[in-house]
Amino acid sequence: MVKTATAVLSALLLCAWGALAQEFVSASLNIIEELEKLKNMEQRLRTVEERLHSRSHIEKKLQKENEALKTTVEMMQATLESLQSVNEARQVAFSASLFASGSGYIGPFRSVEAALIYRKVSANFGNGYNNETGIFTAPLKGVYYFRFYAHCHTGNQMAVSLYKNDKVQCSVFSERPWTNGNASNGIVLILEKGDQIYTKLWDKSWVYDDHESYTSFGGFLLFPL
């Protein structure tokens, strides 16, 4: 009888331990699953962080490239503006005739001091010519071409010279022609910026002009130096 009770008790204890062991194993399995989930979440977090880091790196790189492009555009704009300014400075040409309206003559004078003033301006690119003084002032150093025409009537002396600063460069002359007289001359000159070009009558000479613009003065820049 005692042996039987002992056997039953042993069986009950084995069952209890078995149940506890099952619960422990089951709990262990749950813990392992949770740990695996945590590892998966950790891996996903790392992936997200790596992507964010990569995106941040790309954004910084794009920002630097954008700043570089902006600087390049600004430099190109400044260069284009400079080239435009230089191109505009090279556009030098003028043409003018003696009278803005009406007809008549200028001269003769016993002593000629001032330049002939050509009032009727048909072109003045670069604003080098001044129709208040009759003087062209070179806006930049370069090689220029100038020409001038003069007209006179029968029996009157006509003589005009072209000056660079205060020195004669070329002239036209007609000594009391039998009919109306015309003369012209031209010259290529090297000018420094600020050099002045103008024409002057000779003493005791005169020129005529009317709406046909017989007497005129003009010039233009061939190329800068």
N, C-alpha and C. Protein backbone atom coordinates (compact mmCIF):
# COMPACT_ATOMS: atom_id res chain seq x y z
N MET A 1 0.83 -1.21 0.00
CA MET A 1 0.00 0.00 0.00
C MET A 1 0.85 1.23 0.00
N VAL A 2 1.88 1.20 0.77
CA VAL A 2 2.80 2.36 0.85
C VAL A 2 3.51 2.52 -0.45
N LYS A 3 3.91 1.41 -1.06
CA LYS A 3 4.60 1.48 -2.35
C LYS A 3 3.71 2.07 -3.42
N THR A 4 2.43 1.69 -3.38
CA THR A 4 1.49 2.21 -4.39
C THR A 4 1.32 3.72 -4.26
N ALA A 5 1.19 4.21 -3.02
CA ALA A 5 1.05 5.66 -2.77
C ALA A 5 2.27 6.41 -3.24
N THR A 6 3.42 5.78 -2.99
CA THR A 6 4.68 6.44 -3.41
C THR A 6 4.75 6.51 -4.90
N ALA A 7 4.32 5.48 -5.57
CA ALA A 7 4.35 5.49 -7.03
C ALA A 7 3.41 6.54 -7.60
N VAL A 8 2.22 6.66 -7.01
CA VAL A 8 1.26 7.67 -7.47
C VAL A 8 1.81 9.06 -7.28
N LEU A 9 2.42 9.30 -6.13
CA LEU A 9 2.99 10.62 -5.83
C LEU A 9 4.10 10.93 -6.80
N SER A 10 4.90 9.93 -7.08
CA SER A 10 6.00 10.16 -8.05
C SER A 10 5.45 10.52 -9.42
N ALA A 11 4.37 9.85 -9.79
CA ALA A 11 3.76 10.13 -11.09
C ALA A 11 3.22 11.55 -11.15
N LEU A 12 2.55 11.94 -10.03
CA LEU A 12 2.01 13.31 -9.97
C LEU A 12 3.10 14.34 -10.06
N LEU A 13 4.21 14.09 -9.35
CA LEU A 13 5.34 15.04 -9.38
C LEU A 13 5.92 15.15 -10.79
N LEU A 14 6.01 13.99 -11.46
CA LEU A 14 6.55 14.01 -12.82
C LEU A 14 5.63 14.82 -13.76
N CYS A 15 4.34 14.66 -13.57
CA CYS A 15 3.40 15.45 -14.38
C CYS A 15 3.56 16.95 -14.15
N ALA A 16 3.67 17.27 -12.84
CA ALA A 16 3.82 18.70 -12.49
C ALA A 16 5.09 19.26 -13.11
N TRP A 17 6.19 18.55 -12.95
CA TRP A 17 7.46 19.01 -13.54
C TRP A 17 7.37 19.09 -15.06
N GLY A 18 6.65 18.17 -15.62
CA GLY A 18 6.48 18.22 -17.07
C GLY A 18 5.73 19.45 -17.52
N ALA A 19 4.67 19.77 -16.75
CA ALA A 19 3.89 20.99 -17.09
C ALA A 19 4.73 22.24 -16.95
N LEU A 20 5.51 22.27 -15.86
CA LEU A 20 6.38 23.44 -15.64
C LEU A 20 7.42 23.54 -16.75
N ALA A 21 7.96 22.39 -17.11
CA ALA A 21 8.98 22.41 -18.17
C ALA A 21 8.37 22.89 -19.49
N GLN A 22 7.12 22.43 -19.75
CA GLN A 22 6.44 22.87 -20.99
C GLN A 22 6.22 24.37 -21.00
N GLU A 23 5.79 24.88 -19.83
CA GLU A 23 5.58 26.33 -19.73
C GLU A 23 6.88 27.09 -19.91
N PHE A 24 7.97 26.54 -19.35
CA PHE A 24 9.27 27.21 -19.44
C PHE A 24 9.75 27.23 -20.89
N VAL A 25 9.61 26.07 -21.55
CA VAL A 25 10.02 25.98 -22.95
C VAL A 25 9.20 26.93 -23.80
N SER A 26 7.88 26.94 -23.55
CA SER A 26 7.00 27.83 -24.30
C SER A 26 7.38 29.28 -24.08
N ALA A 27 7.68 29.64 -22.84
CA ALA A 27 8.10 31.02 -22.52
C ALA A 27 9.40 31.34 -23.21
N SER A 28 10.30 30.36 -23.21
CA SER A 28 11.60 30.58 -23.85
C SER A 28 11.40 30.84 -25.34
N LEU A 29 10.51 30.03 -25.93
CA LEU A 29 10.25 30.24 -27.35
C LEU A 29 9.68 31.62 -27.62
N ASN A 30 8.78 32.11 -26.78
CA ASN A 30 8.22 33.46 -26.94
C ASN A 30 9.29 34.52 -26.83
N ILE A 31 10.19 34.36 -25.90
CA ILE A 31 11.29 35.32 -25.71
C ILE A 31 12.17 35.36 -26.94
N ILE A 32 12.47 34.19 -27.48
CA ILE A 32 13.29 34.13 -28.69
C ILE A 32 12.60 34.84 -29.86
N GLU A 33 11.28 34.62 -29.97
CA GLU A 33 10.54 35.30 -31.03
C GLU A 33 10.58 36.82 -30.86
N GLU A 34 10.41 37.27 -29.61
CA GLU A 34 10.43 38.71 -29.35
C GLU A 34 11.81 39.29 -29.63
N LEU A 35 12.85 38.51 -29.22
CA LEU A 35 14.21 38.98 -29.51
C LEU A 35 14.44 39.09 -31.01
N GLU A 36 13.90 38.13 -31.76
CA GLU A 36 14.05 38.15 -33.21
C GLU A 36 13.34 39.37 -33.81
N LYS A 37 12.15 39.65 -33.26
CA LYS A 37 11.42 40.83 -33.71
C LYS A 37 12.20 42.11 -33.44
N LEU A 38 12.80 42.15 -32.23
CA LEU A 38 13.60 43.33 -31.87
C LEU A 38 14.79 43.50 -32.81
N LYS A 39 15.42 42.34 -33.14
CA LYS A 39 16.54 42.41 -34.06
C LYS A 39 16.10 42.91 -35.43
N ASN A 40 14.95 42.43 -35.88
CA ASN A 40 14.42 42.89 -37.16
C ASN A 40 14.13 44.38 -37.15
N MET A 41 13.52 44.85 -36.06
CA MET A 41 13.23 46.28 -35.93
C MET A 41 14.51 47.10 -35.91
N GLU A 42 15.51 46.58 -35.19
CA GLU A 42 16.79 47.28 -35.11
C GLU A 42 17.43 47.39 -36.50
N GLN A 43 17.33 46.29 -37.27
CA GLN A 43 17.88 46.29 -38.62
C GLN A 43 17.15 47.29 -39.51
N ARG A 44 15.83 47.32 -39.38
CA ARG A 44 15.05 48.28 -40.14
C ARG A 44 15.40 49.71 -39.77
N LEU A 45 15.59 49.96 -38.48
CA LEU A 45 15.99 51.29 -38.04
C LEU A 45 17.34 51.68 -38.65
N ARG A 46 18.26 50.70 -38.64
CA ARG A 46 19.58 50.98 -39.22
C ARG A 46 19.44 51.32 -40.71
N THR A 47 18.59 50.56 -41.41
CA THR A 47 18.36 50.81 -42.83
C THR A 47 17.80 52.20 -43.07
N VAL A 48 16.81 52.58 -42.23
CA VAL A 48 16.21 53.91 -42.35
C VAL A 48 17.25 54.99 -42.09
N GLU A 49 18.07 54.79 -41.04
CA GLU A 49 19.12 55.76 -40.72
C GLU A 49 20.12 55.89 -41.86
N GLU A 50 20.48 54.73 -42.45
CA GLU A 50 21.43 54.77 -43.56
C GLU A 50 20.84 55.52 -44.76
N ARG A 51 19.53 55.27 -45.00
CA ARG A 51 18.89 55.98 -46.10
C ARG A 51 18.82 57.48 -45.84
N LEU A 52 18.47 57.84 -44.61
CA LEU A 52 18.41 59.26 -44.25
C LEU A 52 19.78 59.90 -44.37
N HIS A 53 20.81 59.19 -43.92
CA HIS A 53 22.17 59.71 -44.01
C HIS A 53 22.57 59.89 -45.47
N SER A 54 22.22 58.87 -46.28
CA SER A 54 22.54 58.95 -47.71
C SER A 54 21.79 60.10 -48.36
N ARG A 55 20.51 60.27 -48.02
CA ARG A 55 19.72 61.37 -48.57
C ARG A 55 20.29 62.72 -48.14
N SER A 56 20.69 62.82 -46.88
CA SER A 56 21.30 64.06 -46.38
C SER A 56 22.58 64.36 -47.13
N HIS A 57 23.37 63.32 -47.40
CA HIS A 57 24.62 63.50 -48.14
C HIS A 57 24.34 63.98 -49.56
N ILE A 58 23.32 63.38 -50.18
CA ILE A 58 22.94 63.78 -51.54
C ILE A 58 22.45 65.22 -51.57
N GLU A 59 21.63 65.58 -50.56
CA GLU A 59 21.12 66.95 -50.49
C GLU A 59 22.24 67.95 -50.34
N LYS A 60 23.22 67.62 -49.49
CA LYS A 60 24.37 68.51 -49.32
C LYS A 60 25.16 68.64 -50.61
N LYS A 61 25.33 67.51 -51.30
CA LYS A 61 26.06 67.51 -52.56
C LYS A 61 25.32 68.35 -53.60
N LEU A 62 24.00 68.17 -53.67
CA LEU A 62 23.19 68.96 -54.61
C LEU A 62 23.23 70.44 -54.27
N GLN A 63 23.23 70.75 -52.98
CA GLN A 63 23.30 72.14 -52.55
C GLN A 63 24.62 72.78 -52.99
N LYS A 64 25.72 72.02 -52.82
CA LYS A 64 27.03 72.53 -53.25
C LYS A 64 27.07 72.73 -54.76
N GLU A 65 26.51 71.75 -55.49
CA GLU A 65 26.48 71.88 -56.95
C GLU A 65 25.63 73.07 -57.37
N ASN A 66 24.53 73.28 -56.68
CA ASN A 66 23.66 74.40 -56.98
C ASN A 66 24.38 75.72 -56.73
N GLU A 67 25.10 75.81 -55.62
CA GLU A 67 25.86 77.03 -55.32
C GLU A 67 26.95 77.27 -56.37
N ALA A 68 27.61 76.16 -56.80
CA ALA A 68 28.64 76.29 -57.83
C ALA A 68 28.04 76.78 -59.14
N LEU A 69 26.86 76.22 -59.50
CA LEU A 69 26.20 76.65 -60.72
C LEU A 69 25.77 78.11 -60.63
N LYS A 70 25.29 78.51 -59.48
CA LYS A 70 24.88 79.89 -59.28
C LYS A 70 26.07 80.83 -59.46
N THR A 71 27.21 80.46 -58.89
CA THR A 71 28.42 81.26 -59.03
C THR A 71 28.85 81.34 -60.50
N THR A 72 28.75 80.20 -61.20
CA THR A 72 29.12 80.16 -62.62
C THR A 72 28.21 81.07 -63.44
N VAL A 73 26.91 81.01 -63.15
CA VAL A 73 25.95 81.86 -63.86
C VAL A 73 26.25 83.34 -63.62
N GLU A 74 26.54 83.69 -62.38
CA GLU A 74 26.86 85.08 -62.05
C GLU A 74 28.12 85.54 -62.78
N MET A 75 29.13 84.66 -62.83
CA MET A 75 30.37 85.00 -63.54
C MET A 75 30.12 85.17 -65.04
N MET A 76 29.29 84.28 -65.60
CA MET A 76 28.97 84.38 -67.02
C MET A 76 28.19 85.65 -67.31
N GLN A 77 27.27 85.99 -66.43
CA GLN A 77 26.49 87.22 -66.61
C GLN A 77 27.39 88.44 -66.56
N ALA A 78 28.33 88.46 -65.60
CA ALA A 78 29.27 89.57 -65.50
C ALA A 78 30.14 89.66 -66.75
N THR A 79 30.56 88.49 -67.26
CA THR A 79 31.39 88.46 -68.47
C THR A 79 30.62 88.99 -69.67
N LEU A 80 29.36 88.55 -69.80
CA LEU A 80 28.53 89.02 -70.91
C LEU A 80 28.29 90.52 -70.83
N GLU A 81 28.05 91.02 -69.63
CA GLU A 81 27.86 92.47 -69.47
C GLU A 81 29.12 93.23 -69.83
N SER A 82 30.27 92.67 -69.42
CA SER A 82 31.55 93.30 -69.76
C SER A 82 31.77 93.31 -71.27
N LEU A 83 31.48 92.16 -71.92
CA LEU A 83 31.64 92.07 -73.37
C LEU A 83 30.68 93.03 -74.08
N GLN A 84 29.47 93.13 -73.56
CA GLN A 84 28.50 94.05 -74.15
C GLN A 84 28.99 95.49 -74.02
N SER A 85 29.56 95.82 -72.85
CA SER A 85 30.08 97.16 -72.63
C SER A 85 31.23 97.47 -73.58
N VAL A 86 32.13 96.47 -73.74
CA VAL A 86 33.25 96.65 -74.66
C VAL A 86 32.75 96.80 -76.08
N ASN A 87 31.77 95.99 -76.46
CA ASN A 87 31.22 96.05 -77.82
C ASN A 87 30.57 97.39 -78.09
N GLU A 88 29.83 97.90 -77.10
CA GLU A 88 29.20 99.21 -77.25
C GLU A 88 30.25 100.31 -77.36
N ALA A 89 31.34 100.18 -76.60
CA ALA A 89 32.41 101.17 -76.65
C ALA A 89 33.08 101.20 -78.01
N ARG A 90 33.08 100.05 -78.70
CA ARG A 90 33.72 99.96 -80.01
C ARG A 90 32.83 100.50 -81.13
N GLN A 91 31.59 100.79 -80.85
CA GLN A 91 30.68 101.30 -81.87
C GLN A 91 30.82 102.81 -81.94
N VAL A 92 31.81 103.25 -82.70
CA VAL A 92 32.12 104.68 -82.80
C VAL A 92 32.04 105.10 -84.26
N ALA A 93 31.14 106.01 -84.57
CA ALA A 93 31.00 106.55 -85.93
C ALA A 93 30.14 107.81 -85.86
N PHE A 94 30.48 108.79 -86.70
CA PHE A 94 29.67 110.01 -86.73
C PHE A 94 29.69 110.60 -88.13
N SER A 95 28.68 111.39 -88.41
CA SER A 95 28.59 112.12 -89.67
C SER A 95 27.75 113.37 -89.44
N ALA A 96 28.26 114.53 -89.93
CA ALA A 96 27.55 115.80 -89.71
C ALA A 96 27.82 116.74 -90.87
N SER A 97 26.84 117.61 -91.15
CA SER A 97 27.01 118.64 -92.18
C SER A 97 26.89 120.02 -91.53
N LEU A 98 27.28 121.03 -92.29
CA LEU A 98 27.53 122.35 -91.71
C LEU A 98 26.28 123.00 -91.10
N PHE A 99 25.19 123.06 -91.88
CA PHE A 99 24.00 123.78 -91.41
C PHE A 99 22.87 122.82 -91.07
N ALA A 100 22.21 123.06 -89.95
CA ALA A 100 21.06 122.26 -89.57
C ALA A 100 19.84 122.60 -90.43
N SER A 101 19.79 123.84 -90.91
CA SER A 101 18.71 124.28 -91.80
C SER A 101 19.18 125.52 -92.56
N GLY A 102 18.46 125.84 -93.64
CA GLY A 102 18.80 127.03 -94.42
C GLY A 102 20.04 126.84 -95.26
N SER A 103 20.59 127.95 -95.76
CA SER A 103 21.78 127.93 -96.61
C SER A 103 22.62 129.17 -96.32
N GLY A 104 23.88 129.13 -96.75
CA GLY A 104 24.76 130.27 -96.55
C GLY A 104 26.21 129.85 -96.55
N TYR A 105 27.06 130.74 -96.15
CA TYR A 105 28.48 130.44 -96.11
C TYR A 105 29.07 130.86 -94.76
N ILE A 106 30.21 130.32 -94.47
CA ILE A 106 30.98 130.70 -93.29
C ILE A 106 32.32 131.22 -93.77
N GLY A 107 32.73 132.41 -93.26
CA GLY A 107 33.96 133.05 -93.69
C GLY A 107 33.63 134.16 -94.69
N PRO A 108 34.64 134.80 -95.23
CA PRO A 108 36.05 134.64 -94.85
C PRO A 108 36.38 135.40 -93.56
N PHE A 109 37.40 134.94 -92.87
CA PHE A 109 37.88 135.59 -91.65
C PHE A 109 39.35 135.97 -91.84
N ARG A 110 39.72 137.12 -91.28
CA ARG A 110 41.11 137.55 -91.36
C ARG A 110 42.01 136.57 -90.61
N SER A 111 41.49 136.08 -89.44
CA SER A 111 42.26 135.12 -88.64
C SER A 111 41.29 134.10 -88.06
N VAL A 112 41.49 132.84 -88.40
CA VAL A 112 40.58 131.78 -87.96
C VAL A 112 41.12 131.17 -86.67
N GLU A 113 40.30 131.19 -85.61
CA GLU A 113 40.72 130.65 -84.31
C GLU A 113 40.00 129.35 -83.95
N ALA A 114 38.72 129.27 -84.32
CA ALA A 114 37.90 128.14 -83.85
C ALA A 114 37.66 127.12 -84.96
N ALA A 115 37.24 125.94 -84.53
CA ALA A 115 36.92 124.86 -85.46
C ALA A 115 35.61 125.14 -86.18
N LEU A 116 35.48 124.60 -87.39
CA LEU A 116 34.19 124.63 -88.06
C LEU A 116 33.20 123.79 -87.26
N ILE A 117 32.00 124.30 -87.08
CA ILE A 117 30.99 123.57 -86.30
C ILE A 117 29.93 123.03 -87.25
N TYR A 118 29.85 121.73 -87.32
CA TYR A 118 28.88 121.05 -88.17
C TYR A 118 27.64 120.76 -87.32
N ARG A 119 26.57 121.48 -87.59
CA ARG A 119 25.39 121.45 -86.71
C ARG A 119 24.44 120.28 -86.98
N LYS A 120 24.33 119.87 -88.23
CA LYS A 120 23.36 118.84 -88.61
C LYS A 120 23.99 117.45 -88.46
N VAL A 121 23.65 116.77 -87.39
CA VAL A 121 24.24 115.46 -87.09
C VAL A 121 23.30 114.36 -87.56
N SER A 122 23.79 113.51 -88.45
CA SER A 122 22.97 112.40 -88.95
C SER A 122 23.27 111.11 -88.20
N ALA A 123 24.46 110.99 -87.60
CA ALA A 123 24.80 109.81 -86.81
C ALA A 123 25.91 110.20 -85.84
N ASN A 124 25.84 109.62 -84.64
CA ASN A 124 26.86 109.91 -83.64
C ASN A 124 26.96 108.75 -82.65
N PHE A 125 27.34 107.58 -83.15
CA PHE A 125 27.50 106.40 -82.29
C PHE A 125 28.72 106.57 -81.39
N GLY A 126 28.50 106.36 -80.10
CA GLY A 126 29.57 106.54 -79.13
C GLY A 126 29.66 107.95 -78.59
N ASN A 127 28.84 108.89 -79.16
CA ASN A 127 28.79 110.28 -78.70
C ASN A 127 30.16 110.95 -78.67
N GLY A 128 30.99 110.62 -79.67
CA GLY A 128 32.32 111.23 -79.72
C GLY A 128 32.30 112.64 -80.29
N TYR A 129 31.30 112.93 -81.16
CA TYR A 129 31.25 114.24 -81.80
C TYR A 129 30.36 115.20 -81.01
N ASN A 130 30.82 116.45 -80.90
CA ASN A 130 30.08 117.49 -80.20
C ASN A 130 29.67 118.56 -81.20
N ASN A 131 28.35 118.70 -81.47
CA ASN A 131 27.91 119.68 -82.47
C ASN A 131 27.80 121.10 -81.90
N GLU A 132 28.27 121.28 -80.67
CA GLU A 132 28.37 122.63 -80.11
C GLU A 132 29.78 123.20 -80.32
N THR A 133 30.76 122.33 -80.47
CA THR A 133 32.15 122.77 -80.64
C THR A 133 32.73 122.36 -82.00
N GLY A 134 32.11 121.36 -82.66
CA GLY A 134 32.65 120.87 -83.92
C GLY A 134 33.80 119.90 -83.74
N ILE A 135 34.02 119.42 -82.52
CA ILE A 135 35.19 118.58 -82.20
C ILE A 135 34.76 117.15 -81.92
N PHE A 136 35.50 116.21 -82.52
CA PHE A 136 35.34 114.80 -82.20
C PHE A 136 36.44 114.42 -81.20
N THR A 137 36.02 113.78 -80.08
CA THR A 137 36.97 113.33 -79.06
C THR A 137 36.96 111.81 -79.02
N ALA A 138 38.12 111.19 -79.22
CA ALA A 138 38.21 109.73 -79.28
C ALA A 138 37.82 109.11 -77.94
N PRO A 139 36.81 108.22 -77.91
CA PRO A 139 36.41 107.59 -76.65
C PRO A 139 37.32 106.45 -76.22
N LEU A 140 38.15 105.94 -77.15
CA LEU A 140 39.10 104.87 -76.82
C LEU A 140 40.23 104.87 -77.83
N LYS A 141 41.34 104.26 -77.43
CA LYS A 141 42.49 104.18 -78.32
C LYS A 141 42.17 103.26 -79.48
N GLY A 142 42.59 103.68 -80.69
CA GLY A 142 42.32 102.84 -81.84
C GLY A 142 42.76 103.48 -83.14
N VAL A 143 42.46 102.79 -84.24
CA VAL A 143 42.74 103.29 -85.58
C VAL A 143 41.42 103.80 -86.17
N TYR A 144 41.41 105.05 -86.61
CA TYR A 144 40.20 105.72 -87.09
C TYR A 144 40.37 106.20 -88.53
N TYR A 145 39.24 106.32 -89.18
CA TYR A 145 39.22 106.94 -90.51
C TYR A 145 38.34 108.19 -90.46
N PHE A 146 38.83 109.29 -91.07
CA PHE A 146 38.08 110.55 -91.12
C PHE A 146 38.05 111.05 -92.56
N ARG A 147 36.95 111.72 -92.90
CA ARG A 147 36.85 112.35 -94.21
C ARG A 147 36.04 113.64 -94.06
N PHE A 148 36.30 114.59 -94.96
CA PHE A 148 35.54 115.84 -94.93
C PHE A 148 35.41 116.36 -96.35
N TYR A 149 34.31 117.10 -96.58
CA TYR A 149 34.00 117.67 -97.89
C TYR A 149 33.77 119.17 -97.71
N ALA A 150 34.11 119.91 -98.75
CA ALA A 150 33.90 121.37 -98.71
C ALA A 150 33.41 121.85 -100.07
N HIS A 151 32.61 122.91 -100.06
CA HIS A 151 32.00 123.43 -101.29
C HIS A 151 32.14 124.96 -101.30
N CYS A 152 32.39 125.49 -102.50
CA CYS A 152 32.46 126.95 -102.64
C CYS A 152 31.85 127.37 -103.97
N HIS A 153 31.60 128.68 -104.12
CA HIS A 153 31.05 129.21 -105.35
C HIS A 153 32.13 129.89 -106.18
N THR A 154 31.74 130.26 -107.38
CA THR A 154 32.67 130.88 -108.33
C THR A 154 33.35 132.11 -107.72
N GLY A 155 34.68 132.18 -107.91
CA GLY A 155 35.43 133.37 -107.52
C GLY A 155 35.78 133.46 -106.05
N ASN A 156 35.51 132.42 -105.25
CA ASN A 156 35.81 132.48 -103.82
C ASN A 156 36.84 131.40 -103.44
N GLN A 157 37.80 131.77 -102.65
CA GLN A 157 38.80 130.80 -102.20
C GLN A 157 38.20 129.91 -101.11
N MET A 158 38.43 128.62 -101.28
CA MET A 158 37.95 127.66 -100.28
C MET A 158 39.14 126.81 -99.84
N ALA A 159 39.41 126.78 -98.52
CA ALA A 159 40.51 125.97 -98.00
C ALA A 159 40.17 125.54 -96.58
N VAL A 160 40.27 124.22 -96.35
CA VAL A 160 39.93 123.64 -95.04
C VAL A 160 40.99 122.60 -94.70
N SER A 161 41.37 122.56 -93.42
CA SER A 161 42.33 121.55 -92.95
C SER A 161 41.73 120.73 -91.83
N LEU A 162 42.15 119.48 -91.75
CA LEU A 162 41.75 118.61 -90.64
C LEU A 162 42.89 118.55 -89.64
N TYR A 163 42.54 118.70 -88.37
CA TYR A 163 43.54 118.75 -87.30
C TYR A 163 43.39 117.55 -86.35
N LYS A 164 44.55 117.07 -85.90
CA LYS A 164 44.60 116.15 -84.76
C LYS A 164 45.19 116.94 -83.61
N ASN A 165 44.39 117.18 -82.59
CA ASN A 165 44.77 118.09 -81.51
C ASN A 165 45.10 119.45 -82.12
N ASP A 166 46.35 119.89 -82.19
CA ASP A 166 46.63 121.21 -82.76
C ASP A 166 47.51 121.13 -84.00
N LYS A 167 47.58 119.92 -84.63
CA LYS A 167 48.46 119.75 -85.78
C LYS A 167 47.66 119.37 -87.03
N VAL A 168 47.98 120.03 -88.16
CA VAL A 168 47.30 119.75 -89.41
C VAL A 168 47.67 118.36 -89.91
N GLN A 169 46.64 117.60 -90.35
CA GLN A 169 46.85 116.25 -90.86
C GLN A 169 46.65 116.17 -92.38
N CYS A 170 45.66 116.88 -92.90
CA CYS A 170 45.43 116.93 -94.35
C CYS A 170 44.52 118.12 -94.65
N SER A 171 44.44 118.50 -95.93
CA SER A 171 43.70 119.71 -96.29
C SER A 171 43.04 119.58 -97.65
N VAL A 172 42.11 120.51 -97.93
CA VAL A 172 41.53 120.70 -99.27
C VAL A 172 41.66 122.17 -99.62
N PHE A 173 41.78 122.45 -100.95
CA PHE A 173 42.00 123.84 -101.37
C PHE A 173 41.44 124.05 -102.77
N SER A 174 40.78 125.20 -102.96
CA SER A 174 40.31 125.60 -104.29
C SER A 174 40.48 127.10 -104.41
N GLU A 175 41.27 127.53 -105.41
CA GLU A 175 41.59 128.96 -105.57
C GLU A 175 40.65 129.61 -106.56
N ARG A 176 39.57 130.21 -106.09
CA ARG A 176 38.63 130.96 -106.92
C ARG A 176 38.28 130.22 -108.23
N PRO A 177 37.53 129.12 -108.10
CA PRO A 177 37.20 128.34 -109.31
C PRO A 177 36.30 129.13 -110.27
N TRP A 178 36.33 128.74 -111.57
CA TRP A 178 35.47 129.39 -112.57
C TRP A 178 34.01 128.97 -112.39
N THR A 179 33.81 127.76 -111.82
CA THR A 179 32.46 127.30 -111.49
C THR A 179 32.45 126.91 -110.01
N ASN A 180 31.31 126.43 -109.57
CA ASN A 180 31.26 125.98 -108.17
C ASN A 180 32.33 124.91 -107.94
N GLY A 181 32.99 125.01 -106.78
CA GLY A 181 34.08 124.09 -106.49
C GLY A 181 33.74 123.13 -105.35
N ASN A 182 34.19 121.89 -105.51
CA ASN A 182 34.04 120.88 -104.46
C ASN A 182 35.40 120.22 -104.22
N ALA A 183 35.66 119.86 -102.98
CA ALA A 183 36.90 119.16 -102.66
C ALA A 183 36.67 118.25 -101.46
N SER A 184 37.43 117.17 -101.42
CA SER A 184 37.32 116.25 -100.28
C SER A 184 38.66 115.62 -100.01
N ASN A 185 38.81 115.13 -98.79
CA ASN A 185 40.03 114.44 -98.39
C ASN A 185 39.70 113.50 -97.24
N GLY A 186 40.56 112.53 -97.03
CA GLY A 186 40.37 111.58 -95.94
C GLY A 186 41.69 111.06 -95.44
N ILE A 187 41.68 110.50 -94.23
CA ILE A 187 42.93 110.04 -93.63
C ILE A 187 42.65 108.99 -92.55
N VAL A 188 43.59 108.06 -92.40
CA VAL A 188 43.54 107.07 -91.32
C VAL A 188 44.53 107.52 -90.24
N LEU A 189 44.05 107.59 -89.00
CA LEU A 189 44.88 108.08 -87.90
C LEU A 189 44.83 107.13 -86.71
N ILE A 190 45.94 107.03 -86.00
CA ILE A 190 45.99 106.32 -84.72
C ILE A 190 45.74 107.35 -83.62
N LEU A 191 44.70 107.13 -82.84
CA LEU A 191 44.33 108.07 -81.78
C LEU A 191 44.42 107.43 -80.41
N GLU A 192 44.89 108.20 -79.46
CA GLU A 192 44.80 107.82 -78.06
C GLU A 192 43.44 108.28 -77.53
N LYS A 193 42.99 107.67 -76.46
CA LYS A 193 41.74 108.12 -75.84
C LYS A 193 41.88 109.58 -75.43
N GLY A 194 40.92 110.41 -75.86
CA GLY A 194 40.95 111.83 -75.52
C GLY A 194 41.52 112.72 -76.61
N ASP A 195 42.15 112.13 -77.64
CA ASP A 195 42.63 112.94 -78.76
C ASP A 195 41.45 113.61 -79.45
N GLN A 196 41.68 114.83 -79.98
CA GLN A 196 40.61 115.60 -80.60
C GLN A 196 40.86 115.79 -82.09
N ILE A 197 39.80 115.63 -82.87
CA ILE A 197 39.84 115.80 -84.31
C ILE A 197 38.81 116.85 -84.71
N TYR A 198 39.22 117.80 -85.58
CA TYR A 198 38.30 118.85 -86.02
C TYR A 198 38.83 119.46 -87.32
N THR A 199 38.01 120.26 -87.96
CA THR A 199 38.44 120.96 -89.17
C THR A 199 38.40 122.47 -88.93
N LYS A 200 39.25 123.19 -89.69
CA LYS A 200 39.28 124.66 -89.59
C LYS A 200 39.43 125.27 -90.97
N LEU A 201 38.78 126.40 -91.16
CA LEU A 201 39.00 127.20 -92.36
C LEU A 201 40.42 127.78 -92.35
N TRP A 202 40.94 128.04 -93.53
CA TRP A 202 42.15 128.84 -93.60
C TRP A 202 41.73 130.31 -93.48
N ASP A 203 42.69 131.12 -93.15
CA ASP A 203 42.43 132.57 -93.15
C ASP A 203 41.99 133.01 -94.55
N LYS A 204 41.02 133.93 -94.59
CA LYS A 204 40.52 134.53 -95.82
C LYS A 204 39.91 133.50 -96.79
N SER A 205 39.35 132.42 -96.22
CA SER A 205 38.67 131.41 -97.02
C SER A 205 37.26 131.21 -96.49
N TRP A 206 36.41 130.59 -97.32
CA TRP A 206 35.07 130.32 -96.84
C TRP A 206 34.51 129.07 -97.49
N VAL A 207 33.42 128.57 -96.89
CA VAL A 207 32.73 127.39 -97.41
C VAL A 207 31.23 127.65 -97.43
N TYR A 208 30.57 126.93 -98.32
CA TYR A 208 29.12 127.10 -98.48
C TYR A 208 28.41 125.79 -98.16
N ASP A 209 27.15 125.93 -97.68
CA ASP A 209 26.33 124.74 -97.43
C ASP A 209 24.85 125.11 -97.50
N ASP A 210 24.02 124.09 -97.79
CA ASP A 210 22.57 124.26 -97.75
C ASP A 210 21.95 122.91 -97.39
N HIS A 211 20.66 122.72 -97.70
CA HIS A 211 19.98 121.49 -97.30
C HIS A 211 20.53 120.25 -98.00
N GLU A 212 21.35 120.44 -99.07
CA GLU A 212 21.96 119.30 -99.76
C GLU A 212 23.20 118.78 -99.02
N SER A 213 23.62 119.48 -97.99
CA SER A 213 24.77 119.06 -97.16
C SER A 213 26.05 118.89 -97.98
N TYR A 214 26.46 119.97 -98.69
CA TYR A 214 27.68 119.91 -99.50
C TYR A 214 28.94 119.87 -98.63
N THR A 215 28.89 120.56 -97.52
CA THR A 215 30.07 120.64 -96.66
C THR A 215 29.82 119.79 -95.42
N SER A 216 30.65 118.76 -95.24
CA SER A 216 30.38 117.79 -94.16
C SER A 216 31.67 117.24 -93.57
N PHE A 217 31.50 116.54 -92.47
CA PHE A 217 32.64 115.99 -91.71
C PHE A 217 32.17 114.70 -91.05
N GLY A 218 33.00 113.64 -91.11
CA GLY A 218 32.61 112.38 -90.49
C GLY A 218 33.80 111.47 -90.27
N GLY A 219 33.56 110.39 -89.54
CA GLY A 219 34.63 109.44 -89.28
C GLY A 219 34.11 108.25 -88.48
N PHE A 220 34.95 107.24 -88.38
CA PHE A 220 34.55 106.05 -87.62
C PHE A 220 35.79 105.28 -87.18
N LEU A 221 35.57 104.44 -86.16
CA LEU A 221 36.62 103.57 -85.63
C LEU A 221 36.79 102.35 -86.53
N LEU A 222 38.02 102.12 -87.02
CA LEU A 222 38.30 100.93 -87.81
C LEU A 222 38.49 99.73 -86.90
N PHE A 223 39.33 99.87 -85.88
CA PHE A 223 39.53 98.81 -84.86
C PHE A 223 40.26 99.40 -83.67
N PRO A 224 39.97 98.88 -82.48
CA PRO A 224 40.62 99.39 -81.26
C PRO A 224 42.03 98.82 -81.11
N LEU A 225 42.82 99.48 -80.31
CA LEU A 225 44.19 99.04 -80.02
C LEU A 225 44.35 98.80 -78.52
